[in-house]
Amino acid sequence: MIFRHSLKDGHGLMELSNPNGLPIVSVISMAAPRRPAVIRSEDSLMKYANPNDRQLAKEKMRIVLRLSAWKRHRKIVLGALGCGAFRNPPEEVASCWAEVFAEPEFRGGWWEKVVFAVIDETGLGREGNGNVGIYFRRLDGIEV
């Protein structure tokens, strides 16, 4: 249940006298690997040092997508999966999302809209080299 307005509207409380009128959302919480070992690849991007960490991240992504499809959610908001405090490599995680969405299982038009809620730690938005820019360049326009 959502009980606050948007940032644009000052995050004020919504009218709480009629809880049945408040928006309802479903939430799936999933932890990312915590501070996995990473290496810099030949193309200067950070990657998981252990291929098992990459596979674990992709399997967790699949679980979230399967659950959302099974529950018939057509609009979903996904997170950065550990690209902040847990220090997962954002280029690799964004690529993992793209690879999972390209798998036959997830190409069935399950969702009307998929967006990523990613913190812009650099303040540079889509043009920057922070998580927002990385996710935007890798995932914008992918058909789901």
N, C-alpha and C. Protein backbone atom coordinates (compact mmCIF):
# COMPACT_ATOMS: atom_id res chain seq x y z
N MET A 1 0.84 -1.16 0.00
CA MET A 1 0.00 0.00 0.00
C MET A 1 0.90 1.24 0.00
N ILE A 2 0.58 2.15 -0.87
CA ILE A 2 1.31 3.41 -0.95
C ILE A 2 0.55 4.46 -0.15
N PHE A 3 1.25 5.16 0.73
CA PHE A 3 0.56 6.15 1.56
C PHE A 3 1.21 7.53 1.50
N ARG A 4 2.22 7.70 0.64
CA ARG A 4 2.83 9.02 0.46
C ARG A 4 2.77 9.42 -1.02
N HIS A 5 2.69 10.72 -1.24
CA HIS A 5 2.73 11.25 -2.60
C HIS A 5 4.16 11.17 -3.14
N SER A 6 4.31 11.49 -4.41
CA SER A 6 5.60 11.43 -5.09
C SER A 6 6.56 12.51 -4.59
N LEU A 7 7.82 12.36 -4.95
CA LEU A 7 8.84 13.37 -4.64
C LEU A 7 8.42 14.73 -5.20
N LYS A 8 7.92 14.71 -6.44
CA LYS A 8 7.47 15.93 -7.10
C LYS A 8 6.40 16.65 -6.28
N ASP A 9 5.59 15.86 -5.57
CA ASP A 9 4.51 16.42 -4.75
C ASP A 9 4.89 16.55 -3.28
N GLY A 10 6.17 16.45 -2.97
CA GLY A 10 6.65 16.69 -1.62
C GLY A 10 6.58 15.54 -0.64
N HIS A 11 6.27 14.36 -1.11
CA HIS A 11 6.20 13.16 -0.25
C HIS A 11 5.22 13.29 0.90
N GLY A 12 4.24 14.15 0.77
CA GLY A 12 3.24 14.29 1.83
C GLY A 12 2.37 13.05 1.95
N LEU A 13 1.74 12.90 3.10
CA LEU A 13 0.84 11.76 3.30
C LEU A 13 -0.40 11.90 2.44
N MET A 14 -0.85 10.79 1.88
CA MET A 14 -2.11 10.76 1.15
C MET A 14 -3.25 10.77 2.18
N GLU A 15 -4.45 10.87 1.69
CA GLU A 15 -5.63 10.83 2.56
C GLU A 15 -5.75 9.43 3.15
N LEU A 16 -5.57 9.32 4.47
CA LEU A 16 -5.53 8.02 5.14
C LEU A 16 -6.86 7.60 5.77
N SER A 17 -7.88 8.44 5.69
CA SER A 17 -9.15 8.09 6.33
C SER A 17 -9.87 6.96 5.60
N ASN A 18 -9.53 6.74 4.32
CA ASN A 18 -10.13 5.65 3.56
C ASN A 18 -9.02 4.78 2.97
N PRO A 19 -8.48 3.84 3.75
CA PRO A 19 -7.37 3.02 3.27
C PRO A 19 -7.70 2.22 2.01
N ASN A 20 -8.98 1.91 1.80
CA ASN A 20 -9.36 1.15 0.60
C ASN A 20 -9.12 1.94 -0.67
N GLY A 21 -8.98 3.25 -0.56
CA GLY A 21 -8.74 4.08 -1.73
C GLY A 21 -7.27 4.29 -2.05
N LEU A 22 -6.39 3.75 -1.22
CA LEU A 22 -4.95 3.94 -1.45
C LEU A 22 -4.43 2.95 -2.49
N PRO A 23 -3.42 3.34 -3.27
CA PRO A 23 -2.85 2.43 -4.27
C PRO A 23 -2.17 1.23 -3.60
N ILE A 24 -2.33 0.09 -4.23
CA ILE A 24 -1.73 -1.15 -3.74
C ILE A 24 -0.65 -1.59 -4.73
N VAL A 25 0.48 -2.01 -4.22
CA VAL A 25 1.55 -2.57 -5.06
C VAL A 25 2.03 -3.87 -4.43
N SER A 26 2.60 -4.71 -5.26
CA SER A 26 3.25 -5.93 -4.77
C SER A 26 4.75 -5.69 -4.76
N VAL A 27 5.43 -6.30 -3.81
CA VAL A 27 6.87 -6.10 -3.68
C VAL A 27 7.56 -7.46 -3.54
N ILE A 28 8.62 -7.64 -4.28
CA ILE A 28 9.50 -8.80 -4.13
C ILE A 28 10.85 -8.25 -3.69
N SER A 29 11.31 -8.66 -2.55
CA SER A 29 12.63 -8.24 -2.06
C SER A 29 13.62 -9.36 -2.29
N MET A 30 14.76 -9.01 -2.82
CA MET A 30 15.77 -10.02 -3.09
C MET A 30 17.14 -9.42 -2.87
N ALA A 31 17.95 -10.08 -2.08
CA ALA A 31 19.30 -9.59 -1.80
C ALA A 31 20.25 -9.97 -2.93
N ALA A 32 21.13 -9.07 -3.24
CA ALA A 32 22.19 -9.33 -4.21
C ALA A 32 23.39 -9.91 -3.47
N PRO A 33 24.33 -10.50 -4.20
CA PRO A 33 25.57 -10.92 -3.53
C PRO A 33 26.21 -9.72 -2.83
N ARG A 34 26.70 -9.94 -1.62
CA ARG A 34 27.28 -8.84 -0.84
C ARG A 34 28.78 -8.74 -1.11
N ARG A 35 29.17 -7.60 -1.68
CA ARG A 35 30.57 -7.30 -1.98
C ARG A 35 31.33 -8.46 -2.62
N PRO A 36 30.84 -8.91 -3.77
CA PRO A 36 31.54 -10.00 -4.44
C PRO A 36 32.90 -9.52 -4.95
N ALA A 37 33.80 -10.46 -5.14
CA ALA A 37 35.10 -10.11 -5.74
C ALA A 37 34.85 -9.68 -7.19
N VAL A 38 35.50 -8.59 -7.59
CA VAL A 38 35.36 -8.09 -8.96
C VAL A 38 36.75 -7.89 -9.56
N ILE A 39 36.79 -7.91 -10.87
CA ILE A 39 38.03 -7.68 -11.61
C ILE A 39 37.75 -6.67 -12.72
N ARG A 40 38.79 -6.03 -13.20
CA ARG A 40 38.66 -5.13 -14.34
C ARG A 40 38.99 -5.95 -15.59
N SER A 41 38.07 -5.95 -16.53
CA SER A 41 38.24 -6.73 -17.75
C SER A 41 39.15 -6.00 -18.74
N GLU A 42 39.44 -6.66 -19.85
CA GLU A 42 40.30 -6.06 -20.89
C GLU A 42 39.70 -4.77 -21.44
N ASP A 43 38.36 -4.68 -21.43
CA ASP A 43 37.72 -3.46 -21.92
C ASP A 43 37.48 -2.44 -20.80
N SER A 44 38.19 -2.62 -19.68
CA SER A 44 38.20 -1.70 -18.53
C SER A 44 36.88 -1.64 -17.76
N LEU A 45 36.02 -2.63 -17.95
CA LEU A 45 34.78 -2.69 -17.19
C LEU A 45 34.96 -3.61 -16.00
N MET A 46 34.26 -3.29 -14.92
CA MET A 46 34.30 -4.14 -13.74
C MET A 46 33.38 -5.34 -13.98
N LYS A 47 33.88 -6.52 -13.61
CA LYS A 47 33.12 -7.76 -13.79
C LYS A 47 33.27 -8.62 -12.55
N TYR A 48 32.35 -9.56 -12.40
CA TYR A 48 32.48 -10.53 -11.31
C TYR A 48 33.75 -11.34 -11.51
N ALA A 49 34.54 -11.51 -10.47
CA ALA A 49 35.74 -12.35 -10.55
C ALA A 49 35.35 -13.82 -10.59
N ASN A 50 34.27 -14.17 -9.91
CA ASN A 50 33.81 -15.55 -9.83
C ASN A 50 32.59 -15.72 -10.73
N PRO A 51 32.67 -16.56 -11.77
CA PRO A 51 31.52 -16.76 -12.66
C PRO A 51 30.27 -17.24 -11.91
N ASN A 52 30.45 -17.89 -10.77
CA ASN A 52 29.29 -18.34 -10.00
C ASN A 52 28.48 -17.16 -9.46
N ASP A 53 29.14 -16.04 -9.14
CA ASP A 53 28.41 -14.86 -8.69
C ASP A 53 27.53 -14.31 -9.81
N ARG A 54 28.05 -14.34 -11.02
CA ARG A 54 27.28 -13.88 -12.18
C ARG A 54 26.06 -14.78 -12.40
N GLN A 55 26.28 -16.08 -12.32
CA GLN A 55 25.17 -17.02 -12.51
C GLN A 55 24.12 -16.88 -11.41
N LEU A 56 24.57 -16.66 -10.18
CA LEU A 56 23.64 -16.46 -9.07
C LEU A 56 22.80 -15.20 -9.30
N ALA A 57 23.42 -14.13 -9.73
CA ALA A 57 22.69 -12.89 -10.00
C ALA A 57 21.62 -13.13 -11.08
N LYS A 58 21.99 -13.83 -12.15
CA LYS A 58 21.04 -14.10 -13.22
C LYS A 58 19.90 -15.00 -12.75
N GLU A 59 20.20 -15.97 -11.92
CA GLU A 59 19.14 -16.85 -11.42
C GLU A 59 18.17 -16.07 -10.54
N LYS A 60 18.69 -15.16 -9.73
CA LYS A 60 17.81 -14.32 -8.91
C LYS A 60 16.94 -13.44 -9.79
N MET A 61 17.49 -12.91 -10.87
CA MET A 61 16.71 -12.10 -11.80
C MET A 61 15.57 -12.93 -12.39
N ARG A 62 15.90 -14.15 -12.80
CA ARG A 62 14.87 -15.03 -13.38
C ARG A 62 13.75 -15.30 -12.38
N ILE A 63 14.10 -15.52 -11.13
CA ILE A 63 13.09 -15.79 -10.10
C ILE A 63 12.14 -14.60 -9.96
N VAL A 64 12.69 -13.40 -9.90
CA VAL A 64 11.86 -12.20 -9.78
C VAL A 64 10.94 -12.07 -10.99
N LEU A 65 11.47 -12.28 -12.18
CA LEU A 65 10.65 -12.16 -13.39
C LEU A 65 9.59 -13.24 -13.45
N ARG A 66 9.93 -14.47 -13.08
CA ARG A 66 8.94 -15.55 -13.08
C ARG A 66 7.81 -15.26 -12.11
N LEU A 67 8.15 -14.80 -10.91
CA LEU A 67 7.12 -14.48 -9.92
C LEU A 67 6.21 -13.36 -10.41
N SER A 68 6.78 -12.33 -10.99
CA SER A 68 5.95 -11.22 -11.46
C SER A 68 5.04 -11.66 -12.60
N ALA A 69 5.53 -12.51 -13.49
CA ALA A 69 4.70 -13.02 -14.59
C ALA A 69 3.62 -13.96 -14.05
N TRP A 70 3.99 -14.82 -13.12
CA TRP A 70 3.04 -15.77 -12.54
C TRP A 70 1.88 -15.06 -11.85
N LYS A 71 2.20 -13.95 -11.19
CA LYS A 71 1.17 -13.16 -10.50
C LYS A 71 0.49 -12.16 -11.43
N ARG A 72 0.83 -12.23 -12.72
CA ARG A 72 0.23 -11.40 -13.77
C ARG A 72 0.45 -9.90 -13.58
N HIS A 73 1.58 -9.55 -13.06
CA HIS A 73 1.93 -8.13 -12.96
C HIS A 73 2.46 -7.69 -14.32
N ARG A 74 1.86 -6.66 -14.88
CA ARG A 74 2.22 -6.21 -16.23
C ARG A 74 3.14 -5.00 -16.23
N LYS A 75 3.23 -4.33 -15.12
CA LYS A 75 4.14 -3.18 -14.99
C LYS A 75 5.00 -3.46 -13.78
N ILE A 76 6.32 -3.52 -14.00
CA ILE A 76 7.21 -3.85 -12.89
C ILE A 76 8.34 -2.83 -12.78
N VAL A 77 8.78 -2.65 -11.55
CA VAL A 77 9.91 -1.78 -11.25
C VAL A 77 10.99 -2.67 -10.67
N LEU A 78 12.15 -2.67 -11.29
CA LEU A 78 13.27 -3.50 -10.85
C LEU A 78 14.37 -2.63 -10.28
N GLY A 79 15.18 -3.22 -9.43
CA GLY A 79 16.26 -2.48 -8.80
C GLY A 79 17.60 -2.74 -9.47
N ALA A 80 18.61 -2.11 -8.93
CA ALA A 80 19.96 -2.21 -9.48
C ALA A 80 20.67 -3.50 -9.06
N LEU A 81 20.05 -4.29 -8.22
CA LEU A 81 20.58 -5.59 -7.77
C LEU A 81 22.01 -5.49 -7.24
N GLY A 82 22.15 -4.71 -6.21
CA GLY A 82 23.43 -4.69 -5.50
C GLY A 82 24.49 -3.76 -6.03
N CYS A 83 24.12 -2.84 -6.93
CA CYS A 83 25.14 -1.96 -7.53
C CYS A 83 25.43 -0.73 -6.68
N GLY A 84 24.94 -0.70 -5.49
CA GLY A 84 25.22 0.40 -4.57
C GLY A 84 26.10 -0.08 -3.44
N ALA A 85 25.51 -0.18 -2.27
CA ALA A 85 26.26 -0.55 -1.06
C ALA A 85 26.88 -1.94 -1.14
N PHE A 86 26.25 -2.85 -1.90
CA PHE A 86 26.78 -4.22 -1.99
C PHE A 86 27.89 -4.35 -3.04
N ARG A 87 28.14 -3.28 -3.77
CA ARG A 87 29.28 -3.17 -4.70
C ARG A 87 29.34 -4.25 -5.79
N ASN A 88 28.20 -4.59 -6.35
CA ASN A 88 28.21 -5.46 -7.52
C ASN A 88 28.57 -4.59 -8.73
N PRO A 89 29.21 -5.16 -9.74
CA PRO A 89 29.66 -4.36 -10.90
C PRO A 89 28.49 -3.95 -11.79
N PRO A 90 28.17 -2.66 -11.86
CA PRO A 90 26.96 -2.22 -12.57
C PRO A 90 26.92 -2.59 -14.05
N GLU A 91 28.05 -2.50 -14.76
CA GLU A 91 28.04 -2.86 -16.18
C GLU A 91 27.65 -4.32 -16.36
N GLU A 92 28.20 -5.17 -15.51
CA GLU A 92 27.91 -6.60 -15.61
C GLU A 92 26.48 -6.91 -15.20
N VAL A 93 26.01 -6.28 -14.13
CA VAL A 93 24.64 -6.54 -13.68
C VAL A 93 23.64 -6.07 -14.75
N ALA A 94 23.85 -4.90 -15.32
CA ALA A 94 22.96 -4.42 -16.39
C ALA A 94 23.00 -5.38 -17.58
N SER A 95 24.18 -5.89 -17.92
CA SER A 95 24.28 -6.87 -19.01
C SER A 95 23.55 -8.15 -18.66
N CYS A 96 23.63 -8.57 -17.41
CA CYS A 96 22.90 -9.77 -16.98
C CYS A 96 21.40 -9.58 -17.17
N TRP A 97 20.88 -8.41 -16.78
CA TRP A 97 19.46 -8.15 -16.99
C TRP A 97 19.13 -8.25 -18.48
N ALA A 98 19.93 -7.65 -19.33
CA ALA A 98 19.68 -7.69 -20.78
C ALA A 98 19.70 -9.13 -21.29
N GLU A 99 20.66 -9.91 -20.84
CA GLU A 99 20.76 -11.31 -21.26
C GLU A 99 19.54 -12.12 -20.81
N VAL A 100 19.11 -11.91 -19.57
CA VAL A 100 17.95 -12.64 -19.06
C VAL A 100 16.70 -12.25 -19.85
N PHE A 101 16.50 -10.96 -20.10
CA PHE A 101 15.34 -10.54 -20.87
C PHE A 101 15.36 -11.10 -22.30
N ALA A 102 16.53 -11.42 -22.82
CA ALA A 102 16.65 -11.96 -24.18
C ALA A 102 16.38 -13.47 -24.24
N GLU A 103 16.32 -14.13 -23.09
CA GLU A 103 16.07 -15.57 -23.07
C GLU A 103 14.65 -15.86 -23.55
N PRO A 104 14.46 -16.98 -24.27
CA PRO A 104 13.13 -17.30 -24.81
C PRO A 104 12.01 -17.26 -23.76
N GLU A 105 12.29 -17.69 -22.56
CA GLU A 105 11.27 -17.71 -21.50
C GLU A 105 10.69 -16.32 -21.23
N PHE A 106 11.48 -15.29 -21.42
CA PHE A 106 11.05 -13.94 -21.05
C PHE A 106 10.75 -13.05 -22.25
N ARG A 107 10.63 -13.65 -23.42
CA ARG A 107 10.34 -12.87 -24.63
C ARG A 107 8.88 -13.01 -25.05
N GLY A 108 8.02 -13.39 -24.12
CA GLY A 108 6.62 -13.63 -24.47
C GLY A 108 5.69 -12.46 -24.29
N GLY A 109 6.21 -11.27 -24.17
CA GLY A 109 5.34 -10.11 -23.98
C GLY A 109 4.66 -10.12 -22.62
N TRP A 110 5.38 -10.57 -21.61
CA TRP A 110 4.81 -10.68 -20.27
C TRP A 110 4.48 -9.33 -19.65
N TRP A 111 5.20 -8.30 -20.01
CA TRP A 111 5.06 -7.02 -19.33
C TRP A 111 4.73 -5.90 -20.30
N GLU A 112 3.90 -4.98 -19.85
CA GLU A 112 3.62 -3.76 -20.61
C GLU A 112 4.74 -2.76 -20.45
N LYS A 113 5.28 -2.72 -19.23
CA LYS A 113 6.32 -1.73 -18.95
C LYS A 113 7.25 -2.25 -17.87
N VAL A 114 8.54 -2.09 -18.11
CA VAL A 114 9.56 -2.44 -17.13
C VAL A 114 10.44 -1.22 -16.95
N VAL A 115 10.59 -0.78 -15.72
CA VAL A 115 11.49 0.34 -15.43
C VAL A 115 12.45 -0.07 -14.33
N PHE A 116 13.58 0.58 -14.29
CA PHE A 116 14.58 0.31 -13.27
C PHE A 116 14.67 1.51 -12.33
N ALA A 117 14.55 1.25 -11.04
CA ALA A 117 14.71 2.27 -10.01
C ALA A 117 16.17 2.21 -9.56
N VAL A 118 16.97 3.09 -10.11
CA VAL A 118 18.41 3.07 -9.88
C VAL A 118 18.83 4.44 -9.36
N ILE A 119 19.56 4.46 -8.28
CA ILE A 119 20.01 5.72 -7.68
C ILE A 119 21.08 6.36 -8.56
N ASP A 120 20.93 7.65 -8.79
CA ASP A 120 21.90 8.41 -9.58
C ASP A 120 22.94 9.01 -8.65
N GLU A 121 23.92 8.20 -8.29
CA GLU A 121 24.92 8.63 -7.31
C GLU A 121 25.86 9.70 -7.85
N THR A 122 25.92 9.87 -9.16
CA THR A 122 26.81 10.89 -9.73
C THR A 122 26.10 12.21 -10.00
N GLY A 123 24.78 12.16 -10.10
CA GLY A 123 24.01 13.35 -10.44
C GLY A 123 24.09 13.72 -11.91
N LEU A 124 24.65 12.84 -12.73
CA LEU A 124 24.83 13.14 -14.16
C LEU A 124 23.78 12.48 -15.05
N GLY A 125 22.89 11.70 -14.45
CA GLY A 125 21.79 11.10 -15.21
C GLY A 125 22.24 10.15 -16.29
N ARG A 126 21.48 10.14 -17.36
CA ARG A 126 21.69 9.20 -18.47
C ARG A 126 23.04 9.36 -19.15
N GLU A 127 23.58 10.55 -19.11
CA GLU A 127 24.85 10.82 -19.79
C GLU A 127 26.06 10.46 -18.94
N GLY A 128 25.85 10.23 -17.66
CA GLY A 128 26.96 9.98 -16.75
C GLY A 128 27.46 8.55 -16.77
N ASN A 129 28.48 8.30 -15.97
CA ASN A 129 29.06 6.96 -15.87
C ASN A 129 28.66 6.25 -14.58
N GLY A 130 27.65 6.80 -13.89
CA GLY A 130 27.13 6.14 -12.70
C GLY A 130 26.11 5.08 -13.09
N ASN A 131 25.45 4.54 -12.09
CA ASN A 131 24.50 3.46 -12.34
C ASN A 131 23.39 3.84 -13.31
N VAL A 132 22.86 5.06 -13.19
CA VAL A 132 21.78 5.48 -14.08
C VAL A 132 22.26 5.47 -15.54
N GLY A 133 23.39 6.08 -15.80
CA GLY A 133 23.92 6.11 -17.17
C GLY A 133 24.22 4.71 -17.70
N ILE A 134 24.82 3.89 -16.87
CA ILE A 134 25.16 2.51 -17.27
C ILE A 134 23.90 1.73 -17.59
N TYR A 135 22.91 1.78 -16.70
CA TYR A 135 21.66 1.05 -16.93
C TYR A 135 20.93 1.60 -18.15
N PHE A 136 20.90 2.92 -18.30
CA PHE A 136 20.21 3.51 -19.44
C PHE A 136 20.84 3.06 -20.76
N ARG A 137 22.15 3.17 -20.87
CA ARG A 137 22.82 2.81 -22.12
C ARG A 137 22.67 1.32 -22.44
N ARG A 138 22.64 0.48 -21.43
CA ARG A 138 22.57 -0.97 -21.68
C ARG A 138 21.15 -1.47 -21.87
N LEU A 139 20.17 -0.85 -21.22
CA LEU A 139 18.83 -1.44 -21.18
C LEU A 139 17.74 -0.63 -21.87
N ASP A 140 17.98 0.65 -22.14
CA ASP A 140 16.94 1.46 -22.76
C ASP A 140 16.55 0.90 -24.12
N GLY A 141 15.26 0.74 -24.32
CA GLY A 141 14.75 0.29 -25.61
C GLY A 141 14.67 -1.21 -25.79
N ILE A 142 15.11 -1.98 -24.81
CA ILE A 142 15.01 -3.44 -24.92
C ILE A 142 13.54 -3.82 -24.89
N GLU A 143 13.14 -4.65 -25.82
CA GLU A 143 11.76 -5.10 -25.88
C GLU A 143 11.54 -6.23 -24.88
N VAL A 144 10.48 -6.09 -24.09
CA VAL A 144 10.17 -7.12 -23.09
C VAL A 144 8.80 -7.72 -23.35
